[in-house]
Amino acid sequence: GSLDLTSYSSTINAELSTLERECIALHRQAAPDTAILREELDAADDILAGLQEMLLGFQADLSGLSGDIRQLQDQSRSLAVQVDNRREAEEGLRLFLERIVIPPNMAECICRGEVDEIFLECVKDLEEKFAYVQMTEHDLDDPACNDPGFTASAGIP
C-alpha cells in the first residue's frame, strides 16, 4: 500500500510540474496580449474619466441655464404685471380725462358762441365736469379714505 502511495505521489508531482511548466509557458505566451489589453483598459478609463468630467461640466452649465430661465420667467411675470397695471392706469386716466377735459369746441362755444341751445348744452356739460372735479377733490380730502397709496388717479371711475 505505501509503495502505491509513493508511486502515486511521484506521478502527481510529475504531472503538477508538467502542468506548472505548461501554465508558465502559456502565461509567457499570453503576456504581450495581456499587456496590450491592460493598456487598452487604461486608455478606456482615461476616456471615461474625460467624458465624466465633460458631463459634469454640462450638468453645471445646465444648472446655470436653469437658474437663468427661472430668473427670466420671474422677470417676464413681473413685466406682465407691470403691463397690466399700466393698461389699467391708462384706461382709468383716459376715463378721468374724458370727464374733466374741456374740448376746444366746447370752450369756443362758451367763450365766443351765441347764447342758444348749443351754448346751454355746453354750459351744462361744463357744470357736470366741474361737479365731477369737486367730487373727486372732496374724495381726496375725505379722512375716511385711509389708504396711504390713494392718489388723485385712485378715485378715477
Protein backbone atom coordinates (compact mmCIF):
# COMPACT_ATOMS: atom_id res chain seq x y z
CA GLY A 1 0.00 0.00 0.00
CA SER A 2 2.69 2.51 0.85
CA LEU A 3 4.51 1.82 -2.40
CA ASP A 4 1.41 2.63 -4.31
CA LEU A 5 1.06 5.93 -2.43
CA THR A 6 4.68 6.85 -3.07
CA SER A 7 4.37 5.99 -6.73
CA TYR A 8 1.05 7.84 -6.93
CA SER A 9 2.58 10.88 -5.16
CA SER A 10 5.54 10.88 -7.58
CA THR A 11 3.19 10.66 -10.54
CA ILE A 12 1.08 13.54 -9.17
CA ASN A 13 4.20 15.66 -8.51
CA ALA A 14 5.47 14.97 -12.03
CA GLU A 15 2.10 15.90 -13.54
CA LEU A 16 1.95 19.06 -11.38
CA SER A 17 5.46 20.06 -12.53
CA THR A 18 4.48 19.46 -16.16
CA LEU A 19 1.25 21.47 -15.74
CA GLU A 20 3.12 24.24 -13.94
CA ARG A 21 5.67 24.49 -16.80
CA GLU A 22 2.86 24.48 -19.36
CA CYS A 23 0.98 27.17 -17.38
CA ILE A 24 4.12 29.34 -17.17
CA ALA A 25 4.71 28.88 -20.91
CA LEU A 26 1.09 29.82 -21.67
CA HIS A 27 1.38 32.84 -19.38
CA ARG A 28 4.59 33.96 -21.11
CA GLN A 29 2.96 33.42 -24.47
CA ALA A 30 -0.13 35.50 -23.46
CA ALA A 31 1.90 38.22 -21.68
CA PRO A 32 2.13 40.57 -24.71
CA ASP A 33 -1.62 40.28 -25.32
CA THR A 34 -2.29 40.87 -21.60
CA ALA A 35 -0.07 43.97 -21.63
CA ILE A 36 -1.91 45.33 -24.72
CA LEU A 37 -5.24 44.61 -23.06
CA ARG A 38 -4.08 46.41 -19.90
CA GLU A 39 -3.02 49.44 -21.96
CA GLU A 40 -6.39 49.47 -23.75
CA LEU A 41 -8.22 49.29 -20.39
CA ASP A 42 -6.13 52.18 -19.05
CA ALA A 43 -6.89 54.21 -22.20
CA ALA A 44 -10.61 53.41 -21.89
CA ASP A 45 -10.51 54.50 -18.23
CA ASP A 46 -8.88 57.79 -19.25
CA ILE A 47 -11.51 58.36 -21.94
CA LEU A 48 -14.34 57.59 -19.49
CA ALA A 49 -12.81 59.94 -16.91
CA GLY A 50 -12.68 62.69 -19.55
CA LEU A 51 -16.29 62.03 -20.53
CA GLN A 52 -17.33 62.14 -16.89
CA GLU A 53 -15.58 65.48 -16.43
CA MET A 54 -17.19 66.85 -19.60
CA LEU A 55 -20.65 65.63 -18.50
CA LEU A 56 -20.19 67.22 -15.08
CA GLY A 57 -19.35 70.47 -16.88
CA PHE A 58 -22.50 70.15 -19.00
CA GLN A 59 -24.53 69.46 -15.87
CA ALA A 60 -23.14 72.59 -14.22
CA ASP A 61 -23.89 74.61 -17.37
CA LEU A 62 -27.45 73.25 -17.47
CA SER A 63 -27.94 74.09 -13.81
CA GLY A 64 -26.82 77.63 -14.54
CA LEU A 65 -29.15 77.84 -17.52
CA SER A 66 -32.00 76.51 -15.42
CA GLY A 67 -31.41 79.31 -12.93
CA ASP A 68 -31.25 81.85 -15.75
CA ILE A 69 -34.52 80.51 -17.19
CA ARG A 70 -36.21 80.78 -13.78
CA GLN A 71 -34.94 84.35 -13.44
CA LEU A 72 -36.22 85.24 -16.92
CA GLN A 73 -39.60 83.68 -16.12
CA ASP A 74 -39.80 85.74 -12.92
CA GLN A 75 -38.88 88.90 -14.85
CA SER A 76 -41.47 88.04 -17.51
CA ARG A 77 -44.19 87.63 -14.88
CA SER A 78 -43.15 90.91 -13.26
CA LEU A 79 -43.22 92.71 -16.61
CA ALA A 80 -46.64 91.22 -17.40
CA VAL A 81 -47.98 92.58 -14.11
CA GLN A 82 -46.45 95.99 -14.88
CA VAL A 83 -48.02 95.99 -18.36
CA ASP A 84 -51.42 95.08 -16.90
CA ASN A 85 -51.09 97.79 -14.25
CA ARG A 86 -50.14 100.37 -16.88
CA ARG A 87 -53.08 99.36 -19.08
CA GLU A 88 -55.45 99.72 -16.14
CA ALA A 89 -53.91 103.08 -15.21
CA GLU A 90 -54.11 104.23 -18.83
CA GLU A 91 -57.76 103.26 -19.06
CA GLY A 92 -58.54 104.96 -15.75
CA LEU A 93 -56.67 108.08 -16.79
CA ARG A 94 -58.43 108.12 -20.15
CA LEU A 95 -61.84 107.91 -18.45
CA PHE A 96 -60.84 110.57 -15.91
CA LEU A 97 -59.61 112.96 -18.60
CA GLU A 98 -62.78 112.43 -20.64
CA ARG A 99 -64.75 113.61 -17.61
CA ILE A 100 -62.65 116.69 -16.78
CA VAL A 101 -61.08 118.00 -20.02
CA ILE A 102 -62.91 120.75 -21.84
CA PRO A 103 -62.78 120.05 -25.57
CA PRO A 104 -61.78 123.01 -27.79
CA ASN A 105 -65.18 123.17 -29.48
CA MET A 106 -66.92 123.45 -26.05
CA ALA A 107 -64.53 126.23 -24.95
CA GLU A 108 -65.03 128.05 -28.26
CA CYS A 109 -68.84 127.78 -27.94
CA ILE A 110 -68.86 129.11 -24.35
CA CYS A 111 -66.29 131.87 -24.88
CA ARG A 112 -67.26 133.13 -28.34
CA GLY A 113 -70.50 131.45 -29.31
CA GLU A 114 -74.01 132.78 -29.39
CA VAL A 115 -76.22 132.17 -26.39
CA ASP A 116 -78.51 129.47 -27.77
CA GLU A 117 -79.37 125.80 -27.18
CA ILE A 118 -75.84 124.62 -28.07
CA PHE A 119 -74.39 127.20 -25.66
CA LEU A 120 -76.69 125.95 -22.91
CA GLU A 121 -75.67 122.31 -23.61
CA CYS A 122 -72.01 123.32 -23.40
CA VAL A 123 -72.55 125.16 -20.10
CA LYS A 124 -74.44 122.13 -18.73
CA ASP A 125 -71.54 119.83 -19.76
CA LEU A 126 -69.07 122.28 -18.17
CA GLU A 127 -71.05 122.26 -14.92
CA GLU A 128 -71.01 118.43 -14.91
CA LYS A 129 -67.24 118.44 -15.40
CA PHE A 130 -66.82 120.99 -12.60
CA ALA A 131 -69.07 118.98 -10.26
CA TYR A 132 -67.05 115.85 -11.02
CA VAL A 133 -63.76 117.65 -10.26
CA GLN A 134 -65.20 118.96 -6.96
CA MET A 135 -66.43 115.46 -6.04
CA THR A 136 -63.01 113.98 -6.82
CA GLU A 137 -61.24 116.64 -4.73
CA HIS A 138 -63.68 116.03 -1.88
CA ASP A 139 -62.91 112.29 -2.02
CA LEU A 140 -59.19 113.08 -1.75
CA ASP A 141 -59.75 115.23 1.35
CA ASP A 142 -62.06 112.68 2.99
CA PRO A 143 -60.45 111.34 6.23
CA ALA A 144 -62.43 108.12 5.73
CA CYS A 145 -60.02 107.40 2.90
CA ASN A 146 -57.18 105.97 4.99
CA ASP A 147 -55.30 104.33 2.13
CA PRO A 148 -51.81 105.93 2.09
CA GLY A 149 -51.42 104.95 -1.57
CA PHE A 150 -54.60 106.84 -2.52
CA THR A 151 -53.84 109.50 -5.12
CA ALA A 152 -55.89 111.55 -7.50
CA SER A 153 -55.83 108.72 -10.02
CA ALA A 154 -57.14 106.26 -7.40
CA GLY A 155 -60.53 107.96 -7.44
CA ILE A 156 -60.90 107.58 -11.19
CA PRO A 157 -64.17 105.86 -12.14
